[in-house]
Amino acid sequence: MRHHGGLTRSQARAAALERYPYEPDDAPFRGLVFHDEAWHWAMSVIHGDRYMVELPGLAQPSAEYRALE
């Protein structure tokens, strides 16, 4: 969100928490919101749902993103 979307650190954090609020480790069905990784939803928010067709270079997470995992 910061690199590709030009958001500040606080804006990126707010966008992520809005889309995927914190869930405690013992919360039932924790993480059920995403079947795709955060990269996918971030690219969808920034570039639209057709980003994989229109920007195929973004279909997979970048090396910089993978280095953060």
PDB file of N, CA and C in Angstrom:
ATOM      1  N   MET A   1       0.822  -1.177   0.000  1.00  0.00           N
ATOM      2  CA  MET A   1       0.000   0.000   0.000  1.00  0.00           C
ATOM      3  C   MET A   1       0.876   1.255   0.000  1.00  0.00           C
ATOM      4  N   ARG A   2       2.001   1.202   0.674  1.00  0.00           N
ATOM      5  CA  ARG A   2       2.882   2.362   0.698  1.00  0.00           C
ATOM      6  C   ARG A   2       3.616   2.510  -0.625  1.00  0.00           C
ATOM      7  N   HIS A   3       4.237   1.440  -1.081  1.00  0.00           N
ATOM      8  CA  HIS A   3       5.056   1.506  -2.295  1.00  0.00           C
ATOM      9  C   HIS A   3       4.200   1.676  -3.548  1.00  0.00           C
ATOM     10  N   HIS A   4       3.202   0.832  -3.725  1.00  0.00           N
ATOM     11  CA  HIS A   4       2.399   0.847  -4.945  1.00  0.00           C
ATOM     12  C   HIS A   4       1.247   1.842  -4.893  1.00  0.00           C
ATOM     13  N   GLY A   5       0.754   2.139  -3.688  1.00  0.00           N
ATOM     14  CA  GLY A   5      -0.393   3.021  -3.576  1.00  0.00           C
ATOM     15  C   GLY A   5      -0.067   4.435  -3.148  1.00  0.00           C
ATOM     16  N   GLY A   6       1.189   4.665  -2.771  1.00  0.00           N
ATOM     17  CA  GLY A   6       1.597   6.000  -2.372  1.00  0.00           C
ATOM     18  C   GLY A   6       1.025   6.455  -1.042  1.00  0.00           C
ATOM     19  N   LEU A   7       0.589   5.507  -0.211  1.00  0.00           N
ATOM     20  CA  LEU A   7       0.030   5.862   1.088  1.00  0.00           C
ATOM     21  C   LEU A   7       1.147   6.050   2.106  1.00  0.00           C
ATOM     22  N   THR A   8       0.875   6.873   3.094  1.00  0.00           N
ATOM     23  CA  THR A   8       1.821   7.001   4.200  1.00  0.00           C
ATOM     24  C   THR A   8       1.737   5.745   5.052  1.00  0.00           C
ATOM     25  N   ARG A   9       2.679   5.597   5.971  1.00  0.00           N
ATOM     26  CA  ARG A   9       2.664   4.433   6.866  1.00  0.00           C
ATOM     27  C   ARG A   9       1.337   4.359   7.629  1.00  0.00           C
ATOM     28  N   SER A  10       0.883   5.471   8.173  1.00  0.00           N
ATOM     29  CA  SER A  10      -0.355   5.454   8.955  1.00  0.00           C
ATOM     30  C   SER A  10      -1.582   5.201   8.065  1.00  0.00           C
ATOM     31  N   GLN A  11      -1.596   5.748   6.861  1.00  0.00           N
ATOM     32  CA  GLN A  11      -2.703   5.484   5.939  1.00  0.00           C
ATOM     33  C   GLN A  11      -2.744   4.007   5.535  1.00  0.00           C
ATOM     34  N   ALA A  12      -1.579   3.428   5.260  1.00  0.00           N
ATOM     35  CA  ALA A  12      -1.511   2.019   4.876  1.00  0.00           C
ATOM     36  C   ALA A  12      -1.988   1.127   6.019  1.00  0.00           C
ATOM     37  N   ARG A  13      -1.565   1.449   7.239  1.00  0.00           N
ATOM     38  CA  ARG A  13      -2.005   0.666   8.403  1.00  0.00           C
ATOM     39  C   ARG A  13      -3.517   0.769   8.584  1.00  0.00           C
ATOM     40  N   ALA A  14      -4.063   1.972   8.460  1.00  0.00           N
ATOM     41  CA  ALA A  14      -5.507   2.162   8.600  1.00  0.00           C
ATOM     42  C   ALA A  14      -6.269   1.392   7.520  1.00  0.00           C
ATOM     43  N   ALA A  15      -5.774   1.420   6.290  1.00  0.00           N
ATOM     44  CA  ALA A  15      -6.429   0.691   5.195  1.00  0.00           C
ATOM     45  C   ALA A  15      -6.389  -0.814   5.452  1.00  0.00           C
ATOM     46  N   ALA A  16      -5.267  -1.297   5.931  1.00  0.00           N
ATOM     47  CA  ALA A  16      -5.153  -2.732   6.218  1.00  0.00           C
ATOM     48  C   ALA A  16      -6.081  -3.136   7.357  1.00  0.00           C
ATOM     49  N   LEU A  17      -6.130  -2.344   8.422  1.00  0.00           N
ATOM     50  CA  LEU A  17      -7.001  -2.670   9.554  1.00  0.00           C
ATOM     51  C   LEU A  17      -8.476  -2.544   9.202  1.00  0.00           C
ATOM     52  N   GLU A  18      -8.802  -1.634   8.288  1.00  0.00           N
ATOM     53  CA  GLU A  18     -10.194  -1.513   7.842  1.00  0.00           C
ATOM     54  C   GLU A  18     -10.618  -2.770   7.084  1.00  0.00           C
ATOM     55  N   ARG A  19      -9.731  -3.244   6.239  1.00  0.00           N
ATOM     56  CA  ARG A  19     -10.035  -4.430   5.425  1.00  0.00           C
ATOM     57  C   ARG A  19      -9.940  -5.715   6.235  1.00  0.00           C
ATOM     58  N   TYR A  20      -9.001  -5.760   7.154  1.00  0.00           N
ATOM     59  CA  TYR A  20      -8.730  -6.988   7.888  1.00  0.00           C
ATOM     60  C   TYR A  20      -8.419  -6.646   9.340  1.00  0.00           C
ATOM     61  N   PRO A  21      -9.460  -6.443  10.166  1.00  0.00           N
ATOM     62  CA  PRO A  21      -9.231  -6.041  11.554  1.00  0.00           C
ATOM     63  C   PRO A  21      -8.467  -7.102  12.342  1.00  0.00           C
ATOM     64  N   TYR A  22      -7.757  -6.656  13.351  1.00  0.00           N
ATOM     65  CA  TYR A  22      -6.986  -7.567  14.199  1.00  0.00           C
ATOM     66  C   TYR A  22      -7.911  -8.582  14.841  1.00  0.00           C
ATOM     67  N   GLU A  23      -7.481  -9.827  14.837  1.00  0.00           N
ATOM     68  CA  GLU A  23      -8.207 -10.891  15.517  1.00  0.00           C
ATOM     69  C   GLU A  23      -7.242 -11.599  16.456  1.00  0.00           C
ATOM     70  N   PRO A  24      -7.623 -11.782  17.717  1.00  0.00           N
ATOM     71  CA  PRO A  24      -6.747 -12.494  18.648  1.00  0.00           C
ATOM     72  C   PRO A  24      -6.452 -13.909  18.155  1.00  0.00           C
ATOM     73  N   ASP A  25      -5.342 -14.473  18.621  1.00  0.00           N
ATOM     74  CA  ASP A  25      -4.935 -15.818  18.202  1.00  0.00           C
ATOM     75  C   ASP A  25      -6.015 -16.864  18.422  1.00  0.00           C
ATOM     76  N   ASP A  26      -6.804 -16.719  19.483  1.00  0.00           N
ATOM     77  CA  ASP A  26      -7.792 -17.750  19.812  1.00  0.00           C
ATOM     78  C   ASP A  26      -9.186 -17.457  19.246  1.00  0.00           C
ATOM     79  N   ALA A  27      -9.304 -16.442  18.394  1.00  0.00           N
ATOM     80  CA  ALA A  27     -10.612 -16.111  17.813  1.00  0.00           C
ATOM     81  C   ALA A  27     -11.056 -17.215  16.864  1.00  0.00           C
ATOM     82  N   PRO A  28     -12.309 -17.650  17.001  1.00  0.00           N
ATOM     83  CA  PRO A  28     -12.795 -18.681  16.068  1.00  0.00           C
ATOM     84  C   PRO A  28     -12.788 -18.141  14.635  1.00  0.00           C
ATOM     85  N   PHE A  29     -12.393 -18.974  13.731  1.00  0.00           N
ATOM     86  CA  PHE A  29     -12.357 -18.646  12.298  1.00  0.00           C
ATOM     87  C   PHE A  29     -11.401 -17.505  11.978  1.00  0.00           C
ATOM     88  N   ARG A  30     -10.372 -17.315  12.826  1.00  0.00           N
ATOM     89  CA  ARG A  30      -9.389 -16.261  12.585  1.00  0.00           C
ATOM     90  C   ARG A  30      -8.792 -16.401  11.180  1.00  0.00           C
ATOM     91  N   GLY A  31      -8.709 -15.320  10.469  1.00  0.00           N
ATOM     92  CA  GLY A  31      -8.084 -15.326   9.155  1.00  0.00           C
ATOM     93  C   GLY A  31      -8.977 -15.809   8.031  1.00  0.00           C
ATOM     94  N   LEU A  32     -10.221 -16.109   8.323  1.00  0.00           N
ATOM     95  CA  LEU A  32     -11.119 -16.633   7.297  1.00  0.00           C
ATOM     96  C   LEU A  32     -11.432 -15.608   6.212  1.00  0.00           C
ATOM     97  N   VAL A  33     -11.219 -14.332   6.500  1.00  0.00           N
ATOM     98  CA  VAL A  33     -11.531 -13.278   5.539  1.00  0.00           C
ATOM     99  C   VAL A  33     -10.749 -13.460   4.246  1.00  0.00           C
ATOM    100  N   PHE A  34      -9.477 -13.842   4.366  1.00  0.00           N
ATOM    101  CA  PHE A  34      -8.632 -13.945   3.187  1.00  0.00           C
ATOM    102  C   PHE A  34      -8.354 -15.380   2.791  1.00  0.00           C
ATOM    103  N   HIS A  35      -8.609 -15.697   1.560  1.00  0.00           N
ATOM    104  CA  HIS A  35      -8.103 -16.947   1.013  1.00  0.00           C
ATOM    105  C   HIS A  35      -6.907 -16.619   0.126  1.00  0.00           C
ATOM    106  N   ASP A  36      -6.747 -15.357  -0.205  1.00  0.00           N
ATOM    107  CA  ASP A  36      -5.588 -14.868  -0.941  1.00  0.00           C
ATOM    108  C   ASP A  36      -4.726 -14.063   0.027  1.00  0.00           C
ATOM    109  N   GLU A  37      -3.475 -13.923  -0.298  1.00  0.00           N
ATOM    110  CA  GLU A  37      -2.620 -13.157   0.602  1.00  0.00           C
ATOM    111  C   GLU A  37      -2.885 -11.661   0.488  1.00  0.00           C
ATOM    112  N   ALA A  38      -2.356 -10.916   1.437  1.00  0.00           N
ATOM    113  CA  ALA A  38      -2.597  -9.483   1.518  1.00  0.00           C
ATOM    114  C   ALA A  38      -2.197  -8.758   0.231  1.00  0.00           C
ATOM    115  N   TRP A  39      -1.169  -9.279  -0.455  1.00  0.00           N
ATOM    116  CA  TRP A  39      -0.739  -8.656  -1.716  1.00  0.00           C
ATOM    117  C   TRP A  39      -1.919  -8.499  -2.674  1.00  0.00           C
ATOM    118  N   HIS A  40      -2.697  -9.551  -2.809  1.00  0.00           N
ATOM    119  CA  HIS A  40      -3.813  -9.545  -3.754  1.00  0.00           C
ATOM    120  C   HIS A  40      -4.830  -8.459  -3.417  1.00  0.00           C
ATOM    121  N   TRP A  41      -5.281  -8.392  -2.165  1.00  0.00           N
ATOM    122  CA  TRP A  41      -6.295  -7.392  -1.859  1.00  0.00           C
ATOM    123  C   TRP A  41      -5.737  -5.986  -1.960  1.00  0.00           C
ATOM    124  N   ALA A  42      -4.457  -5.811  -1.607  1.00  0.00           N
ATOM    125  CA  ALA A  42      -3.856  -4.482  -1.716  1.00  0.00           C
ATOM    126  C   ALA A  42      -3.805  -4.032  -3.177  1.00  0.00           C
ATOM    127  N   MET A  43      -3.400  -4.918  -4.067  1.00  0.00           N
ATOM    128  CA  MET A  43      -3.338  -4.565  -5.484  1.00  0.00           C
ATOM    129  C   MET A  43      -4.743  -4.303  -6.026  1.00  0.00           C
ATOM    130  N   SER A  44      -5.741  -5.046  -5.550  1.00  0.00           N
ATOM    131  CA  SER A  44      -7.126  -4.816  -5.976  1.00  0.00           C
ATOM    132  C   SER A  44      -7.617  -3.445  -5.542  1.00  0.00           C
ATOM    133  N   VAL A  45      -7.271  -3.051  -4.312  1.00  0.00           N
ATOM    134  CA  VAL A  45      -7.678  -1.736  -3.816  1.00  0.00           C
ATOM    135  C   VAL A  45      -6.979  -0.635  -4.602  1.00  0.00           C
ATOM    136  N   ILE A  46      -5.684  -0.796  -4.844  1.00  0.00           N
ATOM    137  CA  ILE A  46      -4.900   0.246  -5.507  1.00  0.00           C
ATOM    138  C   ILE A  46      -5.206   0.351  -6.998  1.00  0.00           C
ATOM    139  N   HIS A  47      -5.256  -0.805  -7.684  1.00  0.00           N
ATOM    140  CA  HIS A  47      -5.350  -0.805  -9.147  1.00  0.00           C
ATOM    141  C   HIS A  47      -6.674  -1.313  -9.705  1.00  0.00           C
ATOM    142  N   GLY A  48      -7.561  -1.790  -8.863  1.00  0.00           N
ATOM    143  CA  GLY A  48      -8.841  -2.314  -9.323  1.00  0.00           C
ATOM    144  C   GLY A  48      -8.815  -3.827  -9.471  1.00  0.00           C
ATOM    145  N   ASP A  49      -9.994  -4.402  -9.589  1.00  0.00           N
ATOM    146  CA  ASP A  49     -10.129  -5.860  -9.616  1.00  0.00           C
ATOM    147  C   ASP A  49      -9.505  -6.522 -10.839  1.00  0.00           C
ATOM    148  N   ARG A  50      -9.271  -5.776 -11.892  1.00  0.00           N
ATOM    149  CA  ARG A  50      -8.693  -6.357 -13.112  1.00  0.00           C
ATOM    150  C   ARG A  50      -7.185  -6.158 -13.190  1.00  0.00           C
ATOM    151  N   TYR A  51      -6.571  -5.856 -12.042  1.00  0.00           N
ATOM    152  CA  TYR A  51      -5.131  -5.557 -12.056  1.00  0.00           C
ATOM    153  C   TYR A  51      -4.314  -6.699 -12.643  1.00  0.00           C
ATOM    154  N   MET A  52      -4.726  -7.950 -12.433  1.00  0.00           N
ATOM    155  CA  MET A  52      -3.937  -9.078 -12.952  1.00  0.00           C
ATOM    156  C   MET A  52      -3.947  -9.127 -14.473  1.00  0.00           C
ATOM    157  N   VAL A  53      -5.012  -8.658 -15.078  1.00  0.00           N
ATOM    158  CA  VAL A  53      -5.122  -8.628 -16.539  1.00  0.00           C
ATOM    159  C   VAL A  53      -4.430  -7.387 -17.100  1.00  0.00           C
ATOM    160  N   GLU A  54      -4.712  -6.259 -16.470  1.00  0.00           N
ATOM    161  CA  GLU A  54      -4.184  -4.990 -16.980  1.00  0.00           C
ATOM    162  C   GLU A  54      -2.722  -4.739 -16.589  1.00  0.00           C
ATOM    163  N   LEU A  55      -2.287  -5.308 -15.459  1.00  0.00           N
ATOM    164  CA  LEU A  55      -0.910  -5.138 -14.975  1.00  0.00           C
ATOM    165  C   LEU A  55      -0.356  -6.500 -14.570  1.00  0.00           C
ATOM    166  N   PRO A  56      -0.124  -7.394 -15.541  1.00  0.00           N
ATOM    167  CA  PRO A  56       0.276  -8.766 -15.209  1.00  0.00           C
ATOM    168  C   PRO A  56       1.561  -8.849 -14.388  1.00  0.00           C
ATOM    169  N   GLY A  57       2.399  -7.840 -14.421  1.00  0.00           N
ATOM    170  CA  GLY A  57       3.607  -7.847 -13.618  1.00  0.00           C
ATOM    171  C   GLY A  57       3.325  -7.789 -12.127  1.00  0.00           C
ATOM    172  N   LEU A  58       2.100  -7.420 -11.760  1.00  0.00           N
ATOM    173  CA  LEU A  58       1.725  -7.358 -10.350  1.00  0.00           C
ATOM    174  C   LEU A  58       0.923  -8.579  -9.897  1.00  0.00           C
ATOM    175  N   ALA A  59       0.764  -9.552 -10.757  1.00  0.00           N
ATOM    176  CA  ALA A  59      -0.015 -10.740 -10.400  1.00  0.00           C
ATOM    177  C   ALA A  59       0.621 -11.524  -9.257  1.00  0.00           C
ATOM    178  N   GLN A  60       1.922 -11.452  -9.146  1.00  0.00           N
ATOM    179  CA  GLN A  60       2.638 -12.125  -8.052  1.00  0.00           C
ATOM    180  C   GLN A  60       3.330 -11.069  -7.197  1.00  0.00           C
ATOM    181  N   PRO A  61       3.440 -11.325  -5.902  1.00  0.00           N
ATOM    182  CA  PRO A  61       4.123 -10.369  -5.028  1.00  0.00           C
ATOM    183  C   PRO A  61       5.559 -10.105  -5.489  1.00  0.00           C
ATOM    184  N   SER A  62       5.970  -8.870  -5.297  1.00  0.00           N
ATOM    185  CA  SER A  62       7.323  -8.479  -5.677  1.00  0.00           C
ATOM    186  C   SER A  62       8.363  -9.100  -4.740  1.00  0.00           C
ATOM    187  N   ALA A  63       9.599  -9.078  -5.157  1.00  0.00           N
ATOM    188  CA  ALA A  63      10.693  -9.596  -4.327  1.00  0.00           C
ATOM    189  C   ALA A  63      10.794  -8.806  -3.026  1.00  0.00           C
ATOM    190  N   GLU A  64      10.576  -7.493  -3.094  1.00  0.00           N
ATOM    191  CA  GLU A  64      10.611  -6.657  -1.886  1.00  0.00           C
ATOM    192  C   GLU A  64       9.527  -7.076  -0.902  1.00  0.00           C
ATOM    193  N   TYR A  65       8.348  -7.380  -1.413  1.00  0.00           N
ATOM    194  CA  TYR A  65       7.248  -7.823  -0.560  1.00  0.00           C
ATOM    195  C   TYR A  65       7.580  -9.166   0.071  1.00  0.00           C
ATOM    196  N   ARG A  66       8.065 -10.078  -0.746  1.00  0.00           N
ATOM    197  CA  ARG A  66       8.437 -11.408  -0.220  1.00  0.00           C
ATOM    198  C   ARG A  66       9.509 -11.303   0.861  1.00  0.00           C
ATOM    199  N   ALA A  67      10.408 -10.347   0.724  1.00  0.00           N
ATOM    200  CA  ALA A  67      11.478 -10.171   1.717  1.00  0.00           C
ATOM    201  C   ALA A  67      10.917  -9.733   3.066  1.00  0.00           C
ATOM    202  N   LEU A  68       9.735  -9.143   3.079  1.00  0.00           N
ATOM    203  CA  LEU A  68       9.104  -8.705   4.330  1.00  0.00           C
ATOM    204  C   LEU A  68       8.427  -9.833   5.077  1.00  0.00           C
ATOM    205  N   GLU A  69       8.144 -10.918   4.410  1.00  0.00           N
ATOM    206  CA  GLU A  69       7.394 -12.019   5.035  1.00  0.00           C
ATOM    207  C   GLU A  69       8.182 -12.691   6.118  1.00  0.00           C
TER     208      GLU A  69
END
